[in-house]
């Protein structure tokens, strides 16, 4: 089993807009109804697994990146705490600064 599974969640309408904005046309499987069903399947599977994390990905890329990084750091800290029997991973995570996106 994996220690963490990140599912980047995008509303189907947003996904279709992104496809068109990059100059592409949606393929046979990229229609609103199909994407909605697929999204619900992934969200359901993710919610049923303790290692699953749903990351909102319909907005700002920097925020999505930072949320992914936080989830990854939390998973690493939990793994370390479990394996080494050290203090609470949550306490360590709160004290760990999350690097900020630098666009420069």
N, C-alpha and C. Protein backbone atom coordinates (compact mmCIF):
# COMPACT_ATOMS: atom_id res chain seq x y z
N UNK A 1 0.83 -1.18 0.00
CA UNK A 1 0.00 0.00 0.00
C UNK A 1 0.88 1.25 0.00
N UNK A 2 0.45 2.25 -0.71
CA UNK A 2 1.20 3.51 -0.71
C UNK A 2 1.00 4.25 0.62
N UNK A 3 1.93 5.12 0.95
CA UNK A 3 1.81 5.95 2.15
C UNK A 3 0.88 7.13 1.92
N UNK A 4 0.76 7.55 0.66
CA UNK A 4 -0.10 8.68 0.34
C UNK A 4 -0.52 8.59 -1.13
N UNK A 5 -1.75 8.98 -1.38
CA UNK A 5 -2.28 9.08 -2.74
C UNK A 5 -2.91 10.47 -2.86
N UNK A 6 -2.38 11.27 -3.77
CA UNK A 6 -2.91 12.61 -3.99
C UNK A 6 -3.80 12.59 -5.23
N UNK A 7 -5.04 13.04 -5.06
CA UNK A 7 -5.95 13.17 -6.19
C UNK A 7 -6.19 14.66 -6.38
N UNK A 8 -5.75 15.18 -7.52
CA UNK A 8 -5.95 16.59 -7.83
C UNK A 8 -7.33 16.74 -8.43
N UNK A 9 -8.23 17.35 -7.68
CA UNK A 9 -9.64 17.42 -8.04
C UNK A 9 -9.94 18.69 -8.83
N UNK A 10 -10.46 18.50 -10.03
CA UNK A 10 -10.87 19.62 -10.89
C UNK A 10 -12.30 19.37 -11.35
N UNK A 11 -13.12 20.38 -11.22
CA UNK A 11 -14.48 20.31 -11.73
C UNK A 11 -14.43 20.04 -13.24
N UNK A 12 -15.28 19.14 -13.74
CA UNK A 12 -15.24 18.82 -15.18
C UNK A 12 -15.36 20.05 -16.09
N UNK A 13 -16.19 21.00 -15.72
CA UNK A 13 -16.31 22.21 -16.53
C UNK A 13 -15.02 22.99 -16.61
N UNK A 14 -14.33 23.07 -15.48
CA UNK A 14 -13.03 23.74 -15.43
C UNK A 14 -12.02 22.99 -16.29
N UNK A 15 -12.03 21.67 -16.19
CA UNK A 15 -11.12 20.85 -17.00
C UNK A 15 -11.33 21.05 -18.49
N UNK A 16 -12.59 21.07 -18.89
CA UNK A 16 -12.90 21.29 -20.31
C UNK A 16 -12.46 22.68 -20.76
N UNK A 17 -12.64 23.67 -19.92
CA UNK A 17 -12.19 25.03 -20.24
C UNK A 17 -10.68 25.06 -20.41
N UNK A 18 -9.97 24.38 -19.53
CA UNK A 18 -8.50 24.33 -19.62
C UNK A 18 -8.06 23.67 -20.92
N UNK A 19 -8.74 22.60 -21.31
CA UNK A 19 -8.39 21.91 -22.56
C UNK A 19 -8.55 22.88 -23.73
N UNK A 20 -9.66 23.58 -23.75
CA UNK A 20 -9.92 24.52 -24.86
C UNK A 20 -8.97 25.71 -24.83
N UNK A 21 -8.65 26.20 -23.63
CA UNK A 21 -7.77 27.35 -23.50
C UNK A 21 -6.35 27.07 -23.97
N UNK A 22 -5.94 25.83 -23.92
CA UNK A 22 -4.60 25.50 -24.40
C UNK A 22 -4.60 25.21 -25.91
N UNK A 23 -5.77 25.37 -26.54
CA UNK A 23 -5.86 25.22 -27.99
C UNK A 23 -6.21 23.83 -28.46
N UNK A 24 -6.59 22.95 -27.55
CA UNK A 24 -6.96 21.58 -27.91
C UNK A 24 -8.48 21.44 -27.96
N UNK A 25 -8.91 20.34 -28.57
CA UNK A 25 -10.33 19.97 -28.54
C UNK A 25 -10.46 18.76 -27.64
N UNK A 26 -11.52 18.71 -26.82
CA UNK A 26 -11.73 17.52 -25.98
C UNK A 26 -11.84 16.26 -26.84
N UNK A 27 -11.24 15.17 -26.35
CA UNK A 27 -11.31 13.91 -27.10
C UNK A 27 -12.63 13.21 -26.81
N UNK A 28 -12.77 12.02 -27.32
CA UNK A 28 -14.01 11.24 -27.22
C UNK A 28 -14.46 11.04 -25.77
N UNK A 29 -13.52 10.90 -24.84
CA UNK A 29 -13.84 10.62 -23.45
C UNK A 29 -13.93 11.88 -22.59
N UNK A 30 -13.67 13.03 -23.18
CA UNK A 30 -13.65 14.28 -22.43
C UNK A 30 -14.92 15.10 -22.68
N UNK A 31 -16.03 14.59 -22.20
CA UNK A 31 -17.26 15.36 -22.23
C UNK A 31 -17.75 15.51 -20.78
N UNK A 32 -18.61 16.47 -20.56
CA UNK A 32 -19.05 16.82 -19.21
C UNK A 32 -19.58 15.61 -18.44
N UNK A 33 -20.43 14.81 -19.06
CA UNK A 33 -21.04 13.67 -18.37
C UNK A 33 -20.00 12.61 -17.99
N UNK A 34 -19.14 12.27 -18.94
CA UNK A 34 -18.13 11.24 -18.67
C UNK A 34 -17.15 11.71 -17.59
N UNK A 35 -16.71 12.95 -17.68
CA UNK A 35 -15.77 13.48 -16.70
C UNK A 35 -16.40 13.56 -15.31
N UNK A 36 -17.68 13.84 -15.24
CA UNK A 36 -18.37 13.90 -13.95
C UNK A 36 -18.41 12.52 -13.30
N UNK A 37 -18.72 11.50 -14.09
CA UNK A 37 -18.75 10.12 -13.56
C UNK A 37 -17.36 9.70 -13.09
N UNK A 38 -16.35 9.97 -13.91
CA UNK A 38 -14.97 9.59 -13.56
C UNK A 38 -14.52 10.31 -12.29
N UNK A 39 -14.85 11.60 -12.21
CA UNK A 39 -14.48 12.38 -11.02
C UNK A 39 -15.10 11.76 -9.77
N UNK A 40 -16.38 11.42 -9.82
CA UNK A 40 -17.05 10.85 -8.66
C UNK A 40 -16.43 9.51 -8.25
N UNK A 41 -16.02 8.73 -9.22
CA UNK A 41 -15.35 7.46 -8.92
C UNK A 41 -14.05 7.71 -8.16
N UNK A 42 -13.22 8.62 -8.68
CA UNK A 42 -11.95 8.92 -8.01
C UNK A 42 -12.17 9.50 -6.62
N UNK A 43 -13.13 10.41 -6.47
CA UNK A 43 -13.39 11.00 -5.15
C UNK A 43 -13.87 9.94 -4.17
N UNK A 44 -14.73 9.05 -4.62
CA UNK A 44 -15.24 7.98 -3.76
C UNK A 44 -14.12 7.04 -3.33
N UNK A 45 -13.28 6.63 -4.27
CA UNK A 45 -12.16 5.75 -3.94
C UNK A 45 -11.19 6.42 -2.98
N UNK A 46 -10.92 7.68 -3.21
CA UNK A 46 -9.98 8.40 -2.37
C UNK A 46 -10.51 8.55 -0.95
N UNK A 47 -11.78 8.86 -0.82
CA UNK A 47 -12.38 9.03 0.51
C UNK A 47 -12.42 7.72 1.29
N UNK A 48 -12.42 6.60 0.60
CA UNK A 48 -12.50 5.31 1.27
C UNK A 48 -11.14 4.76 1.69
N UNK A 49 -10.07 5.46 1.35
CA UNK A 49 -8.72 4.99 1.67
C UNK A 49 -8.06 5.95 2.65
N UNK A 50 -7.48 5.44 3.73
CA UNK A 50 -6.86 6.33 4.71
C UNK A 50 -5.69 7.14 4.15
N UNK A 51 -5.02 6.62 3.15
CA UNK A 51 -3.87 7.33 2.58
C UNK A 51 -4.29 8.33 1.49
N UNK A 52 -5.57 8.38 1.18
CA UNK A 52 -6.06 9.25 0.12
C UNK A 52 -6.20 10.70 0.56
N UNK A 53 -5.76 11.61 -0.28
CA UNK A 53 -5.90 13.05 -0.04
C UNK A 53 -6.47 13.69 -1.29
N UNK A 54 -7.54 14.44 -1.13
CA UNK A 54 -8.14 15.17 -2.25
C UNK A 54 -7.62 16.60 -2.20
N UNK A 55 -6.98 17.01 -3.26
CA UNK A 55 -6.38 18.33 -3.35
C UNK A 55 -7.18 19.15 -4.36
N UNK A 56 -7.79 20.27 -3.93
CA UNK A 56 -8.50 21.12 -4.90
C UNK A 56 -7.51 21.67 -5.93
N UNK A 57 -7.80 21.46 -7.20
CA UNK A 57 -6.86 21.86 -8.25
C UNK A 57 -7.52 22.72 -9.32
N UNK A 58 -8.67 23.29 -9.01
CA UNK A 58 -9.36 24.10 -9.99
C UNK A 58 -8.97 25.56 -9.97
N UNK A 59 -8.17 25.94 -8.98
CA UNK A 59 -7.82 27.35 -8.83
C UNK A 59 -6.36 27.62 -9.12
N UNK A 60 -5.77 28.38 -8.21
CA UNK A 60 -4.40 28.83 -8.36
C UNK A 60 -3.39 27.68 -8.26
N UNK A 61 -2.47 27.63 -9.22
CA UNK A 61 -1.49 26.55 -9.26
C UNK A 61 -0.57 26.58 -8.03
N UNK A 62 -0.23 27.76 -7.56
CA UNK A 62 0.65 27.87 -6.38
C UNK A 62 -0.03 27.27 -5.15
N UNK A 63 -1.30 27.58 -4.97
CA UNK A 63 -2.04 27.04 -3.83
C UNK A 63 -2.14 25.51 -3.91
N UNK A 64 -2.36 25.00 -5.09
CA UNK A 64 -2.44 23.55 -5.29
C UNK A 64 -1.10 22.90 -4.95
N UNK A 65 -0.02 23.50 -5.43
CA UNK A 65 1.32 22.98 -5.15
C UNK A 65 1.58 22.96 -3.64
N UNK A 66 1.25 24.06 -2.97
CA UNK A 66 1.50 24.14 -1.53
C UNK A 66 0.67 23.12 -0.76
N UNK A 67 -0.56 22.90 -1.19
CA UNK A 67 -1.41 21.90 -0.53
C UNK A 67 -0.85 20.49 -0.75
N UNK A 68 -0.36 20.20 -1.94
CA UNK A 68 0.28 18.91 -2.22
C UNK A 68 1.51 18.73 -1.34
N UNK A 69 2.29 19.78 -1.23
CA UNK A 69 3.50 19.71 -0.42
C UNK A 69 3.16 19.49 1.05
N UNK A 70 2.15 20.18 1.55
CA UNK A 70 1.72 19.97 2.95
C UNK A 70 1.29 18.52 3.18
N UNK A 71 0.51 17.98 2.26
CA UNK A 71 0.04 16.60 2.39
C UNK A 71 1.22 15.63 2.36
N UNK A 72 2.18 15.89 1.49
CA UNK A 72 3.36 15.03 1.40
C UNK A 72 4.18 15.11 2.70
N UNK A 73 4.40 16.31 3.19
CA UNK A 73 5.17 16.47 4.44
C UNK A 73 4.46 15.76 5.58
N UNK A 74 3.14 15.90 5.64
CA UNK A 74 2.39 15.23 6.70
C UNK A 74 2.56 13.71 6.60
N UNK A 75 2.50 13.16 5.40
CA UNK A 75 2.66 11.72 5.22
C UNK A 75 4.07 11.27 5.65
N UNK A 76 5.07 12.06 5.30
CA UNK A 76 6.45 11.72 5.69
C UNK A 76 6.59 11.77 7.21
N UNK A 77 6.05 12.82 7.81
CA UNK A 77 6.15 12.94 9.27
C UNK A 77 5.41 11.79 9.97
N UNK A 78 4.26 11.42 9.46
CA UNK A 78 3.53 10.30 10.04
C UNK A 78 4.32 9.01 9.91
N UNK A 79 4.95 8.82 8.77
CA UNK A 79 5.76 7.61 8.55
C UNK A 79 6.94 7.59 9.52
N UNK A 80 7.60 8.73 9.68
CA UNK A 80 8.73 8.80 10.61
C UNK A 80 8.29 8.55 12.04
N UNK A 81 7.17 9.15 12.44
CA UNK A 81 6.68 8.98 13.80
C UNK A 81 6.31 7.53 14.07
N UNK A 82 5.71 6.89 13.10
CA UNK A 82 5.32 5.49 13.26
C UNK A 82 6.55 4.59 13.31
N UNK A 83 7.50 4.83 12.43
CA UNK A 83 8.68 3.98 12.34
C UNK A 83 9.67 4.20 13.46
N UNK A 84 9.77 5.42 13.96
CA UNK A 84 10.78 5.73 14.96
C UNK A 84 10.22 5.91 16.36
N UNK A 85 8.90 5.86 16.48
CA UNK A 85 8.24 6.05 17.77
C UNK A 85 8.67 7.35 18.43
N UNK A 86 8.69 8.41 17.63
CA UNK A 86 9.04 9.73 18.16
C UNK A 86 7.78 10.49 18.48
N UNK A 87 7.95 11.75 18.88
CA UNK A 87 6.80 12.58 19.26
C UNK A 87 5.78 12.67 18.13
N UNK A 88 4.65 13.18 18.45
CA UNK A 88 3.53 13.26 17.52
C UNK A 88 3.93 13.92 16.20
N UNK A 89 3.59 13.25 15.11
CA UNK A 89 3.88 13.81 13.79
C UNK A 89 3.14 15.11 13.56
N UNK A 90 1.95 15.21 14.12
CA UNK A 90 1.17 16.44 13.94
C UNK A 90 1.88 17.63 14.57
N UNK A 91 2.48 17.44 15.73
CA UNK A 91 3.22 18.53 16.37
C UNK A 91 4.42 18.95 15.52
N UNK A 92 5.12 17.99 14.99
CA UNK A 92 6.26 18.31 14.14
C UNK A 92 5.81 19.01 12.87
N UNK A 93 4.70 18.56 12.32
CA UNK A 93 4.21 19.17 11.09
C UNK A 93 3.85 20.63 11.32
N UNK A 94 3.21 20.92 12.45
CA UNK A 94 2.84 22.31 12.74
C UNK A 94 4.08 23.19 12.86
N UNK A 95 5.18 22.64 13.31
CA UNK A 95 6.41 23.42 13.48
C UNK A 95 7.24 23.48 12.20
N UNK A 96 6.84 22.74 11.18
CA UNK A 96 7.60 22.70 9.93
C UNK A 96 7.06 23.75 8.97
N UNK A 97 7.90 24.71 8.60
CA UNK A 97 7.42 25.70 7.63
C UNK A 97 7.24 25.09 6.26
N UNK A 98 6.20 25.49 5.59
CA UNK A 98 5.94 25.01 4.23
C UNK A 98 6.61 25.99 3.28
N UNK A 99 7.52 25.51 2.42
CA UNK A 99 8.16 26.42 1.47
C UNK A 99 7.12 27.09 0.59
N UNK A 100 7.32 28.33 0.33
CA UNK A 100 6.41 29.10 -0.53
C UNK A 100 6.91 29.07 -1.96
N UNK A 101 5.98 29.11 -2.86
CA UNK A 101 6.25 29.12 -4.28
C UNK A 101 6.96 30.42 -4.62
N UNK A 102 8.07 30.32 -5.32
CA UNK A 102 8.82 31.50 -5.73
C UNK A 102 8.79 31.58 -7.24
N UNK A 103 8.07 32.55 -7.76
CA UNK A 103 7.91 32.65 -9.22
C UNK A 103 9.02 33.46 -9.86
N UNK A 104 9.98 33.93 -9.06
CA UNK A 104 11.07 34.75 -9.62
C UNK A 104 12.10 33.90 -10.32
